[in-house]
PDB file of N, CA and C in Angstrom:
ATOM      1  N   UNK A   1     -13.628  27.266  36.894  1.00  0.00           N
ATOM      2  CA  UNK A   1     -12.193  27.913  36.034  1.00  0.00           C
ATOM      3  C   UNK A   1     -13.106  26.910  34.741  1.00  0.00           C
ATOM      4  N   UNK A   2     -12.619  28.057  33.003  1.00  0.00           N
ATOM      5  CA  UNK A   2     -13.242  27.524  32.217  1.00  0.00           C
ATOM      6  C   UNK A   2     -11.645  26.311  31.925  1.00  0.00           C
ATOM      7  N   UNK A   3     -11.663  24.990  31.158  1.00  0.00           N
ATOM      8  CA  UNK A   3     -10.271  24.929  30.813  1.00  0.00           C
ATOM      9  C   UNK A   3     -10.065  25.099  29.334  1.00  0.00           C
ATOM     10  N   UNK A   4      -9.407  25.287  28.768  1.00  0.00           N
ATOM     11  CA  UNK A   4      -8.692  25.026  27.231  1.00  0.00           C
ATOM     12  C   UNK A   4      -7.953  24.015  27.319  1.00  0.00           C
ATOM     13  N   UNK A   5      -8.111  23.127  26.019  1.00  0.00           N
ATOM     14  CA  UNK A   5      -6.403  22.452  25.519  1.00  0.00           C
ATOM     15  C   UNK A   5      -5.735  22.473  24.272  1.00  0.00           C
ATOM     16  N   UNK A   6      -4.274  22.230  25.136  1.00  0.00           N
ATOM     17  CA  UNK A   6      -3.310  22.763  24.208  1.00  0.00           C
ATOM     18  C   UNK A   6      -2.300  21.716  23.948  1.00  0.00           C
ATOM     19  N   UNK A   7      -2.096  22.282  22.439  1.00  0.00           N
ATOM     20  CA  UNK A   7      -0.712  20.780  22.434  1.00  0.00           C
ATOM     21  C   UNK A   7       0.579  21.134  21.921  1.00  0.00           C
ATOM     22  N   UNK A   8       1.601  21.626  22.520  1.00  0.00           N
ATOM     23  CA  UNK A   8       2.991  22.139  22.431  1.00  0.00           C
ATOM     24  C   UNK A   8       4.297  20.111  21.907  1.00  0.00           C
ATOM     25  N   UNK A   9       5.007  21.391  21.121  1.00  0.00           N
ATOM     26  CA  UNK A   9       5.520  20.372  20.629  1.00  0.00           C
ATOM     27  C   UNK A   9       6.742  20.415  20.859  1.00  0.00           C
ATOM     28  N   UNK A  10       7.782  19.666  21.959  1.00  0.00           N
ATOM     29  CA  UNK A  10       8.393  19.512  22.591  1.00  0.00           C
ATOM     30  C   UNK A  10       9.428  18.671  21.928  1.00  0.00           C
ATOM     31  N   UNK A  11      10.892  18.652  20.854  1.00  0.00           N
ATOM     32  CA  UNK A  11      11.331  17.170  20.640  1.00  0.00           C
ATOM     33  C   UNK A  11      10.707  16.518  19.445  1.00  0.00           C
ATOM     34  N   UNK A  12       9.673  16.773  19.736  1.00  0.00           N
ATOM     35  CA  UNK A  12       9.024  16.214  18.342  1.00  0.00           C
ATOM     36  C   UNK A  12       8.149  15.423  19.033  1.00  0.00           C
ATOM     37  N   UNK A  13       8.165  15.731  20.256  1.00  0.00           N
ATOM     38  CA  UNK A  13       7.127  14.866  21.208  1.00  0.00           C
ATOM     39  C   UNK A  13       5.781  15.360  21.615  1.00  0.00           C
ATOM     40  N   UNK A  14       4.169  15.949  21.418  1.00  0.00           N
ATOM     41  CA  UNK A  14       3.610  16.234  21.020  1.00  0.00           C
ATOM     42  C   UNK A  14       2.404  16.166  23.172  1.00  0.00           C
ATOM     43  N   UNK A  15       2.328  17.207  23.705  1.00  0.00           N
ATOM     44  CA  UNK A  15       2.414  17.133  25.246  1.00  0.00           C
ATOM     45  C   UNK A  15       0.628  17.631  25.258  1.00  0.00           C
ATOM     46  N   UNK A  16      -0.290  17.598  25.773  1.00  0.00           N
ATOM     47  CA  UNK A  16      -1.236  18.054  25.805  1.00  0.00           C
ATOM     48  C   UNK A  16      -1.803  18.726  27.403  1.00  0.00           C
ATOM     49  N   UNK A  17      -1.587  20.076  27.154  1.00  0.00           N
ATOM     50  CA  UNK A  17      -1.737  20.767  28.582  1.00  0.00           C
ATOM     51  C   UNK A  17      -2.762  21.038  29.154  1.00  0.00           C
ATOM     52  N   UNK A  18      -3.643  21.263  30.031  1.00  0.00           N
ATOM     53  CA  UNK A  18      -5.284  21.864  30.049  1.00  0.00           C
ATOM     54  C   UNK A  18      -4.183  23.473  30.776  1.00  0.00           C
ATOM     55  N   UNK A  19      -5.205  24.614  30.408  1.00  0.00           N
ATOM     56  CA  UNK A  19      -5.134  25.954  30.921  1.00  0.00           C
ATOM     57  C   UNK A  19      -6.399  26.731  30.923  1.00  0.00           C
ATOM     58  N   UNK A  20      -6.544  26.291  32.467  1.00  0.00           N
ATOM     59  CA  UNK A  20      -7.440  27.600  33.219  1.00  0.00           C
ATOM     60  C   UNK A  20      -7.871  29.296  33.093  1.00  0.00           C
ATOM     61  N   UNK A  21      -8.622  29.562  32.389  1.00  0.00           N
ATOM     62  CA  UNK A  21      -9.133  30.638  32.335  1.00  0.00           C
ATOM     63  C   UNK A  21      -9.568  31.129  32.708  1.00  0.00           C
ATOM     64  N   UNK A  22      -9.714  32.185  33.774  1.00  0.00           N
ATOM     65  CA  UNK A  22     -10.541  32.948  34.916  1.00  0.00           C
ATOM     66  C   UNK A  22     -11.583  33.110  34.975  1.00  0.00           C
ATOM     67  N   UNK A  23     -12.564  32.967  35.037  1.00  0.00           N
ATOM     68  CA  UNK A  23     -14.223  33.852  34.423  1.00  0.00           C
ATOM     69  C   UNK A  23     -13.798  35.099  35.576  1.00  0.00           C
ATOM     70  N   UNK A  24     -15.057  36.146  34.480  1.00  0.00           N
ATOM     71  CA  UNK A  24     -15.103  37.685  36.003  1.00  0.00           C
ATOM     72  C   UNK A  24     -16.015  36.994  37.050  1.00  0.00           C
ATOM     73  N   UNK A  25     -16.264  35.973  37.229  1.00  0.00           N
ATOM     74  CA  UNK A  25     -17.356  36.118  38.072  1.00  0.00           C
ATOM     75  C   UNK A  25     -15.884  35.167  39.631  1.00  0.00           C
ATOM     76  N   UNK A  26     -15.616  34.832  39.026  1.00  0.00           N
ATOM     77  CA  UNK A  26     -14.296  33.940  39.856  1.00  0.00           C
ATOM     78  C   UNK A  26     -13.546  35.253  40.294  1.00  0.00           C
ATOM     79  N   UNK A  27     -12.917  36.146  39.875  1.00  0.00           N
ATOM     80  CA  UNK A  27     -11.657  36.822  40.373  1.00  0.00           C
ATOM     81  C   UNK A  27     -12.898  37.425  41.360  1.00  0.00           C
ATOM     82  N   UNK A  28     -13.754  37.912  40.837  1.00  0.00           N
ATOM     83  CA  UNK A  28     -14.093  38.934  42.057  1.00  0.00           C
ATOM     84  C   UNK A  28     -15.239  38.484  43.520  1.00  0.00           C
ATOM     85  N   UNK A  29     -15.095  37.073  42.933  1.00  0.00           N
ATOM     86  CA  UNK A  29     -15.371  36.425  44.931  1.00  0.00           C
ATOM     87  C   UNK A  29     -14.292  36.711  45.190  1.00  0.00           C
ATOM     88  N   UNK A  30     -13.649  36.318  44.398  1.00  0.00           N
ATOM     89  CA  UNK A  30     -11.890  35.692  45.617  1.00  0.00           C
ATOM     90  C   UNK A  30     -11.544  37.694  45.783  1.00  0.00           C
ATOM     91  N   UNK A  31     -12.168  38.862  45.221  1.00  0.00           N
ATOM     92  CA  UNK A  31     -11.934  39.561  45.864  1.00  0.00           C
ATOM     93  C   UNK A  31     -12.361  40.488  47.262  1.00  0.00           C
ATOM     94  N   UNK A  32     -13.743  39.480  46.283  1.00  0.00           N
ATOM     95  CA  UNK A  32     -14.629  41.031  47.494  1.00  0.00           C
ATOM     96  C   UNK A  32     -14.747  39.192  48.920  1.00  0.00           C
ATOM     97  N   UNK A  33     -15.180  38.137  48.602  1.00  0.00           N
ATOM     98  CA  UNK A  33     -14.604  37.095  49.307  1.00  0.00           C
ATOM     99  C   UNK A  33     -12.944  36.302  50.387  1.00  0.00           C
ATOM    100  N   UNK A  34     -12.264  36.226  49.978  1.00  0.00           N
ATOM    101  CA  UNK A  34     -10.995  35.859  50.538  1.00  0.00           C
ATOM    102  C   UNK A  34     -10.569  36.833  50.857  1.00  0.00           C
ATOM    103  N   UNK A  35     -10.050  38.204  50.173  1.00  0.00           N
ATOM    104  CA  UNK A  35      -9.061  38.609  51.057  1.00  0.00           C
ATOM    105  C   UNK A  35      -9.870  39.570  52.213  1.00  0.00           C
ATOM    106  N   UNK A  36      -9.087  39.131  53.115  1.00  0.00           N
ATOM    107  CA  UNK A  36      -9.631  39.580  54.345  1.00  0.00           C
ATOM    108  C   UNK A  36      -9.647  41.589  54.228  1.00  0.00           C
ATOM    109  N   UNK A  37      -9.093  42.117  52.991  1.00  0.00           N
ATOM    110  CA  UNK A  37      -8.875  43.308  53.079  1.00  0.00           C
ATOM    111  C   UNK A  37      -7.629  44.140  52.194  1.00  0.00           C
ATOM    112  N   UNK A  38      -8.743  45.407  51.502  1.00  0.00           N
ATOM    113  CA  UNK A  38      -8.321  45.709  50.725  1.00  0.00           C
ATOM    114  C   UNK A  38      -6.957  45.913  50.125  1.00  0.00           C
ATOM    115  N   UNK A  39      -6.052  46.293  51.654  1.00  0.00           N
ATOM    116  CA  UNK A  39      -4.332  46.413  50.747  1.00  0.00           C
ATOM    117  C   UNK A  39      -4.045  45.448  51.418  1.00  0.00           C
ATOM    118  N   UNK A  40      -4.245  44.117  51.093  1.00  0.00           N
ATOM    119  CA  UNK A  40      -3.695  42.570  51.415  1.00  0.00           C
ATOM    120  C   UNK A  40      -3.106  42.048  49.438  1.00  0.00           C
ATOM    121  N   UNK A  41      -2.216  42.014  50.076  1.00  0.00           N
ATOM    122  CA  UNK A  41      -0.738  41.389  49.020  1.00  0.00           C
ATOM    123  C   UNK A  41      -1.908  40.381  48.581  1.00  0.00           C
ATOM    124  N   UNK A  42      -1.479  40.660  46.809  1.00  0.00           N
ATOM    125  CA  UNK A  42      -2.158  38.958  46.143  1.00  0.00           C
ATOM    126  C   UNK A  42      -1.505  38.484  45.181  1.00  0.00           C
ATOM    127  N   UNK A  43      -1.001  37.115  44.957  1.00  0.00           N
ATOM    128  CA  UNK A  43      -0.487  36.999  44.331  1.00  0.00           C
ATOM    129  C   UNK A  43      -1.040  36.552  42.756  1.00  0.00           C
ATOM    130  N   UNK A  44      -0.490  36.831  41.532  1.00  0.00           N
ATOM    131  CA  UNK A  44      -1.724  36.223  40.325  1.00  0.00           C
ATOM    132  C   UNK A  44      -0.357  35.518  39.510  1.00  0.00           C
ATOM    133  N   UNK A  45      -1.064  33.930  39.419  1.00  0.00           N
ATOM    134  CA  UNK A  45       0.254  33.641  37.480  1.00  0.00           C
ATOM    135  C   UNK A  45      -1.469  33.283  37.082  1.00  0.00           C
ATOM    136  N   UNK A  46      -0.071  34.115  35.609  1.00  0.00           N
ATOM    137  CA  UNK A  46      -0.635  34.176  34.542  1.00  0.00           C
ATOM    138  C   UNK A  46      -0.292  33.323  33.658  1.00  0.00           C
ATOM    139  N   UNK A  47      -1.415  33.132  32.867  1.00  0.00           N
ATOM    140  CA  UNK A  47      -0.961  32.070  31.199  1.00  0.00           C
ATOM    141  C   UNK A  47       0.811  32.198  30.744  1.00  0.00           C
ATOM    142  N   UNK A  48       0.862  33.194  30.378  1.00  0.00           N
ATOM    143  CA  UNK A  48       1.978  33.913  29.564  1.00  0.00           C
ATOM    144  C   UNK A  48       3.260  34.520  29.860  1.00  0.00           C
ATOM    145  N   UNK A  49       2.910  35.009  31.035  1.00  0.00           N
ATOM    146  CA  UNK A  49       3.843  35.325  32.008  1.00  0.00           C
ATOM    147  C   UNK A  49       4.418  35.435  33.913  1.00  0.00           C
ATOM    148  N   UNK A  50       5.118  36.052  33.970  1.00  0.00           N
ATOM    149  CA  UNK A  50       5.634  35.173  35.419  1.00  0.00           C
ATOM    150  C   UNK A  50       4.655  36.320  36.134  1.00  0.00           C
ATOM    151  N   UNK A  51       4.392  34.967  37.755  1.00  0.00           N
ATOM    152  CA  UNK A  51       4.018  35.739  38.817  1.00  0.00           C
ATOM    153  C   UNK A  51       3.479  37.315  38.839  1.00  0.00           C
ATOM    154  N   UNK A  52       2.612  37.861  39.372  1.00  0.00           N
ATOM    155  CA  UNK A  52       3.120  39.716  39.211  1.00  0.00           C
ATOM    156  C   UNK A  52       2.450  39.875  41.568  1.00  0.00           C
ATOM    157  N   UNK A  53       2.873  40.167  42.142  1.00  0.00           N
ATOM    158  CA  UNK A  53       2.009  40.499  43.200  1.00  0.00           C
ATOM    159  C   UNK A  53       1.511  42.170  43.347  1.00  0.00           C
ATOM    160  N   UNK A  54       0.231  42.031  43.865  1.00  0.00           N
ATOM    161  CA  UNK A  54       0.218  43.255  44.542  1.00  0.00           C
ATOM    162  C   UNK A  54      -1.097  42.986  45.584  1.00  0.00           C
ATOM    163  N   UNK A  55      -2.594  44.532  44.718  1.00  0.00           N
ATOM    164  CA  UNK A  55      -3.132  45.024  45.290  1.00  0.00           C
ATOM    165  C   UNK A  55      -3.745  44.845  44.008  1.00  0.00           C
ATOM    166  N   UNK A  56      -5.563  44.446  43.832  1.00  0.00           N
ATOM    167  CA  UNK A  56      -6.280  44.795  43.039  1.00  0.00           C
ATOM    168  C   UNK A  56      -6.876  46.453  44.044  1.00  0.00           C
ATOM    169  N   UNK A  57      -7.419  47.109  42.984  1.00  0.00           N
ATOM    170  CA  UNK A  57      -7.816  48.605  43.652  1.00  0.00           C
ATOM    171  C   UNK A  57      -8.962  49.097  42.447  1.00  0.00           C
ATOM    172  N   UNK A  58      -9.762  49.209  43.292  1.00  0.00           N
ATOM    173  CA  UNK A  58     -10.877  50.302  42.993  1.00  0.00           C
ATOM    174  C   UNK A  58     -11.018  51.580  41.981  1.00  0.00           C
ATOM    175  N   UNK A  59     -11.396  51.859  41.408  1.00  0.00           N
ATOM    176  CA  UNK A  59     -11.408  53.011  40.614  1.00  0.00           C
ATOM    177  C   UNK A  59     -12.398  53.943  39.970  1.00  0.00           C
ATOM    178  N   UNK A  60     -13.174  54.800  39.493  1.00  0.00           N
ATOM    179  CA  UNK A  60     -13.820  55.334  38.742  1.00  0.00           C
ATOM    180  C   UNK A  60     -14.201  54.437  37.905  1.00  0.00           C
ATOM    181  N   UNK A  61     -12.745  53.990  37.087  1.00  0.00           N
ATOM    182  CA  UNK A  61     -14.093  53.290  35.925  1.00  0.00           C
ATOM    183  C   UNK A  61     -13.652  51.352  36.692  1.00  0.00           C
ATOM    184  N   UNK A  62     -13.866  51.351  37.356  1.00  0.00           N
ATOM    185  CA  UNK A  62     -13.441  50.179  37.873  1.00  0.00           C
ATOM    186  C   UNK A  62     -14.922  49.113  37.118  1.00  0.00           C
ATOM    187  N   UNK A  63     -15.479  48.969  37.239  1.00  0.00           N
ATOM    188  CA  UNK A  63     -17.584  48.247  36.926  1.00  0.00           C
ATOM    189  C   UNK A  63     -17.299  48.584  35.273  1.00  0.00           C
ATOM    190  N   UNK A  64     -16.943  49.681  34.727  1.00  0.00           N
ATOM    191  CA  UNK A  64     -16.583  49.198  33.468  1.00  0.00           C
ATOM    192  C   UNK A  64     -15.549  48.577  33.062  1.00  0.00           C
ATOM    193  N   UNK A  65     -14.117  48.384  33.660  1.00  0.00           N
ATOM    194  CA  UNK A  65     -12.320  47.397  32.931  1.00  0.00           C
ATOM    195  C   UNK A  65     -13.526  46.033  33.490  1.00  0.00           C
ATOM    196  N   UNK A  66     -14.499  46.257  34.685  1.00  0.00           N
ATOM    197  CA  UNK A  66     -15.042  44.192  35.524  1.00  0.00           C
ATOM    198  C   UNK A  66     -15.415  44.323  34.282  1.00  0.00           C
ATOM    199  N   UNK A  67     -16.498  45.104  33.250  1.00  0.00           N
ATOM    200  CA  UNK A  67     -17.541  44.138  32.091  1.00  0.00           C
ATOM    201  C   UNK A  67     -16.557  43.844  30.988  1.00  0.00           C
ATOM    202  N   UNK A  68     -15.797  44.529  31.187  1.00  0.00           N
ATOM    203  CA  UNK A  68     -14.786  43.929  30.135  1.00  0.00           C
ATOM    204  C   UNK A  68     -13.503  42.538  30.983  1.00  0.00           C
ATOM    205  N   UNK A  69     -13.175  42.129  31.923  1.00  0.00           N
ATOM    206  CA  UNK A  69     -12.383  41.345  32.372  1.00  0.00           C
ATOM    207  C   UNK A  69     -11.013  41.662  32.295  1.00  0.00           C
ATOM    208  N   UNK A  70     -10.753  43.379  33.320  1.00  0.00           N
ATOM    209  CA  UNK A  70      -9.896  44.072  32.756  1.00  0.00           C
ATOM    210  C   UNK A  70      -9.985  44.390  34.652  1.00  0.00           C
ATOM    211  N   UNK A  71      -8.756  44.357  35.548  1.00  0.00           N
ATOM    212  CA  UNK A  71      -8.623  44.218  36.902  1.00  0.00           C
ATOM    213  C   UNK A  71      -7.424  45.924  37.006  1.00  0.00           C
ATOM    214  N   UNK A  72      -7.903  46.450  37.557  1.00  0.00           N
ATOM    215  CA  UNK A  72      -6.174  47.487  37.859  1.00  0.00           C
ATOM    216  C   UNK A  72      -5.693  46.441  39.217  1.00  0.00           C
ATOM    217  N   UNK A  73      -3.852  47.123  39.317  1.00  0.00           N
ATOM    218  CA  UNK A  73      -3.213  46.552  40.045  1.00  0.00           C
ATOM    219  C   UNK A  73      -1.958  47.072  39.968  1.00  0.00           C
ATOM    220  N   UNK A  74      -1.603  47.555  41.321  1.00  0.00           N
ATOM    221  CA  UNK A  74      -0.863  47.778  42.220  1.00  0.00           C
ATOM    222  C   UNK A  74      -0.002  47.320  42.361  1.00  0.00           C
ATOM    223  N   UNK A  75       1.346  47.222  41.833  1.00  0.00           N
ATOM    224  CA  UNK A  75       2.754  45.610  42.613  1.00  0.00           C
ATOM    225  C   UNK A  75       3.045  46.456  43.526  1.00  0.00           C
ATOM    226  N   UNK A  76       3.289  45.749  44.193  1.00  0.00           N
ATOM    227  CA  UNK A  76       4.096  45.841  45.442  1.00  0.00           C
ATOM    228  C   UNK A  76       5.404  46.095  45.168  1.00  0.00           C
ATOM    229  N   UNK A  77       6.498  47.087  44.360  1.00  0.00           N
ATOM    230  CA  UNK A  77       7.165  47.501  43.915  1.00  0.00           C
ATOM    231  C   UNK A  77       6.405  49.351  43.807  1.00  0.00           C
ATOM    232  N   UNK A  78       5.196  49.319  43.345  1.00  0.00           N
ATOM    233  CA  UNK A  78       4.505  50.798  43.615  1.00  0.00           C
ATOM    234  C   UNK A  78       4.309  51.217  44.684  1.00  0.00           C
ATOM    235  N   UNK A  79       3.705  49.692  45.640  1.00  0.00           N
ATOM    236  CA  UNK A  79       2.616  49.638  46.858  1.00  0.00           C
ATOM    237  C   UNK A  79       3.021  51.032  48.066  1.00  0.00           C
ATOM    238  N   UNK A  80       3.650  51.540  48.306  1.00  0.00           N
ATOM    239  CA  UNK A  80       4.041  52.780  49.542  1.00  0.00           C
ATOM    240  C   UNK A  80       3.358  53.469  48.904  1.00  0.00           C
ATOM    241  N   UNK A  81       4.178  54.724  47.547  1.00  0.00           N
ATOM    242  CA  UNK A  81       3.812  55.049  46.978  1.00  0.00           C
ATOM    243  C   UNK A  81       2.464  55.343  46.535  1.00  0.00           C
ATOM    244  N   UNK A  82       1.235  54.474  46.126  1.00  0.00           N
ATOM    245  CA  UNK A  82       0.369  54.455  45.727  1.00  0.00           C
ATOM    246  C   UNK A  82      -0.669  54.110  47.462  1.00  0.00           C
ATOM    247  N   UNK A  83      -0.242  53.718  48.905  1.00  0.00           N
ATOM    248  CA  UNK A  83      -0.706  54.353  49.994  1.00  0.00           C
ATOM    249  C   UNK A  83      -0.523  55.799  49.964  1.00  0.00           C
ATOM    250  N   UNK A  84       0.047  56.454  50.111  1.00  0.00           N
ATOM    251  CA  UNK A  84       0.600  58.219  50.305  1.00  0.00           C
ATOM    252  C   UNK A  84       0.068  58.627  48.745  1.00  0.00           C
ATOM    253  N   UNK A  85      -0.393  58.219  48.322  1.00  0.00           N
ATOM    254  CA  UNK A  85      -0.901  58.933  47.055  1.00  0.00           C
ATOM    255  C   UNK A  85      -2.252  58.886  46.568  1.00  0.00           C
ATOM    256  N   UNK A  86      -2.593  57.483  46.491  1.00  0.00           N
ATOM    257  CA  UNK A  86      -3.497  57.052  46.419  1.00  0.00           C
ATOM    258  C   UNK A  86      -3.833  57.089  44.140  1.00  0.00           C
ATOM    259  N   UNK A  87      -2.773  57.585  44.175  1.00  0.00           N
ATOM    260  CA  UNK A  87      -2.394  57.681  42.459  1.00  0.00           C
ATOM    261  C   UNK A  87      -2.871  56.112  41.714  1.00  0.00           C
ATOM    262  N   UNK A  88      -3.150  56.531  41.051  1.00  0.00           N
ATOM    263  CA  UNK A  88      -3.856  55.024  39.901  1.00  0.00           C
ATOM    264  C   UNK A  88      -2.901  54.952  38.830  1.00  0.00           C
ATOM    265  N   UNK A  89      -2.845  55.821  38.338  1.00  0.00           N
ATOM    266  CA  UNK A  89      -1.279  56.442  37.527  1.00  0.00           C
ATOM    267  C   UNK A  89      -0.540  54.850  38.075  1.00  0.00           C
ATOM    268  N   UNK A  90       0.058  54.958  39.082  1.00  0.00           N
ATOM    269  CA  UNK A  90       1.085  53.393  39.468  1.00  0.00           C
ATOM    270  C   UNK A  90       0.535  52.691  39.474  1.00  0.00           C
ATOM    271  N   UNK A  91      -0.471  52.146  39.062  1.00  0.00           N
ATOM    272  CA  UNK A  91      -1.162  50.605  38.598  1.00  0.00           C
ATOM    273  C   UNK A  91      -1.382  49.965  37.421  1.00  0.00           C
ATOM    274  N   UNK A  92      -1.213  48.903  36.835  1.00  0.00           N
ATOM    275  CA  UNK A  92      -1.649  48.517  36.018  1.00  0.00           C
ATOM    276  C   UNK A  92      -2.501  47.910  35.359  1.00  0.00           C
ATOM    277  N   UNK A  93      -3.344  47.697  34.616  1.00  0.00           N
ATOM    278  CA  UNK A  93      -4.256  47.153  33.912  1.00  0.00           C
ATOM    279  C   UNK A  93      -3.988  45.731  33.602  1.00  0.00           C
ATOM    280  N   UNK A  94      -4.362  44.850  33.679  1.00  0.00           N
ATOM    281  CA  UNK A  94      -3.686  42.751  33.397  1.00  0.00           C
ATOM    282  C   UNK A  94      -5.450  42.557  32.725  1.00  0.00           C
ATOM    283  N   UNK A  95      -4.893  42.043  31.978  1.00  0.00           N
ATOM    284  CA  UNK A  95      -6.392  41.460  31.446  1.00  0.00           C
ATOM    285  C   UNK A  95      -6.674  39.710  31.715  1.00  0.00           C
ATOM    286  N   UNK A  96      -8.002  39.729  32.677  1.00  0.00           N
ATOM    287  CA  UNK A  96      -8.400  38.067  33.608  1.00  0.00           C
ATOM    288  C   UNK A  96      -8.357  37.334  32.650  1.00  0.00           C
ATOM    289  N   UNK A  97      -8.339  36.780  31.904  1.00  0.00           N
ATOM    290  CA  UNK A  97      -8.440  35.966  30.945  1.00  0.00           C
ATOM    291  C   UNK A  97      -6.991  35.618  30.682  1.00  0.00           C
ATOM    292  N   UNK A  98      -5.918  36.189  30.883  1.00  0.00           N
ATOM    293  CA  UNK A  98      -4.847  35.369  30.771  1.00  0.00           C
ATOM    294  C   UNK A  98      -4.327  34.888  32.667  1.00  0.00           C
ATOM    295  N   UNK A  99      -5.168  35.248  33.521  1.00  0.00           N
ATOM    296  CA  UNK A  99      -5.248  34.658  34.856  1.00  0.00           C
ATOM    297  C   UNK A  99      -5.159  32.998  35.345  1.00  0.00           C
ATOM    298  N   UNK A 100      -4.675  32.314  35.777  1.00  0.00           N
ATOM    299  CA  UNK A 100      -4.803  31.347  36.065  1.00  0.00           C
ATOM    300  C   UNK A 100      -5.105  30.749  37.194  1.00  0.00           C
ATOM    301  N   UNK A 101      -4.509  31.649  38.287  1.00  0.00           N
ATOM    302  CA  UNK A 101      -4.696  31.479  38.880  1.00  0.00           C
ATOM    303  C   UNK A 101      -4.072  32.004  40.826  1.00  0.00           C
ATOM    304  N   UNK A 102      -5.020  32.867  41.543  1.00  0.00           N
ATOM    305  CA  UNK A 102      -4.746  34.031  42.457  1.00  0.00           C
ATOM    306  C   UNK A 102      -4.445  33.421  43.859  1.00  0.00           C
ATOM    307  N   UNK A 103      -3.916  33.740  44.625  1.00  0.00           N
ATOM    308  CA  UNK A 103      -3.912  33.426  46.242  1.00  0.00           C
ATOM    309  C   UNK A 103      -2.816  34.342  47.012  1.00  0.00           C
ATOM    310  N   UNK A 104      -3.728  34.190  47.897  1.00  0.00           N
ATOM    311  CA  UNK A 104      -3.011  35.567  48.897  1.00  0.00           C
ATOM    312  C   UNK A 104      -1.726  34.815  49.480  1.00  0.00           C
ATOM    313  N   UNK A 105      -0.734  36.137  49.821  1.00  0.00           N
ATOM    314  CA  UNK A 105       0.528  36.344  49.440  1.00  0.00           C
ATOM    315  C   UNK A 105       0.690  35.926  51.411  1.00  0.00           C
ATOM    316  N   UNK A 106       1.293  34.979  51.472  1.00  0.00           N
ATOM    317  CA  UNK A 106       1.593  34.586  52.690  1.00  0.00           C
ATOM    318  C   UNK A 106       2.669  35.863  53.380  1.00  0.00           C
TER     319      UNK A 106
END
């Protein structure tokens, strides 16, 4: 992970925080190595938004998106529909530079 320092001003105090940015290689290693199966749910933590739970999917544009650090994710809300239809329109594209942590959903 690549660390970047940012300063946050709260009530006239400055706090230094470290934000970790995940690289393409780290995300791909997690997808290919850590997940036991392609349908296993993953928790994705972001720098600027709430956690998303879902699965990474590979579509015909997977290589092009991966090269730009973008990833297609089907959320738990759309999981059943996706399993039946395999419609990639049920997925959303997220920027991997916004990921701070990936973990398998227990």
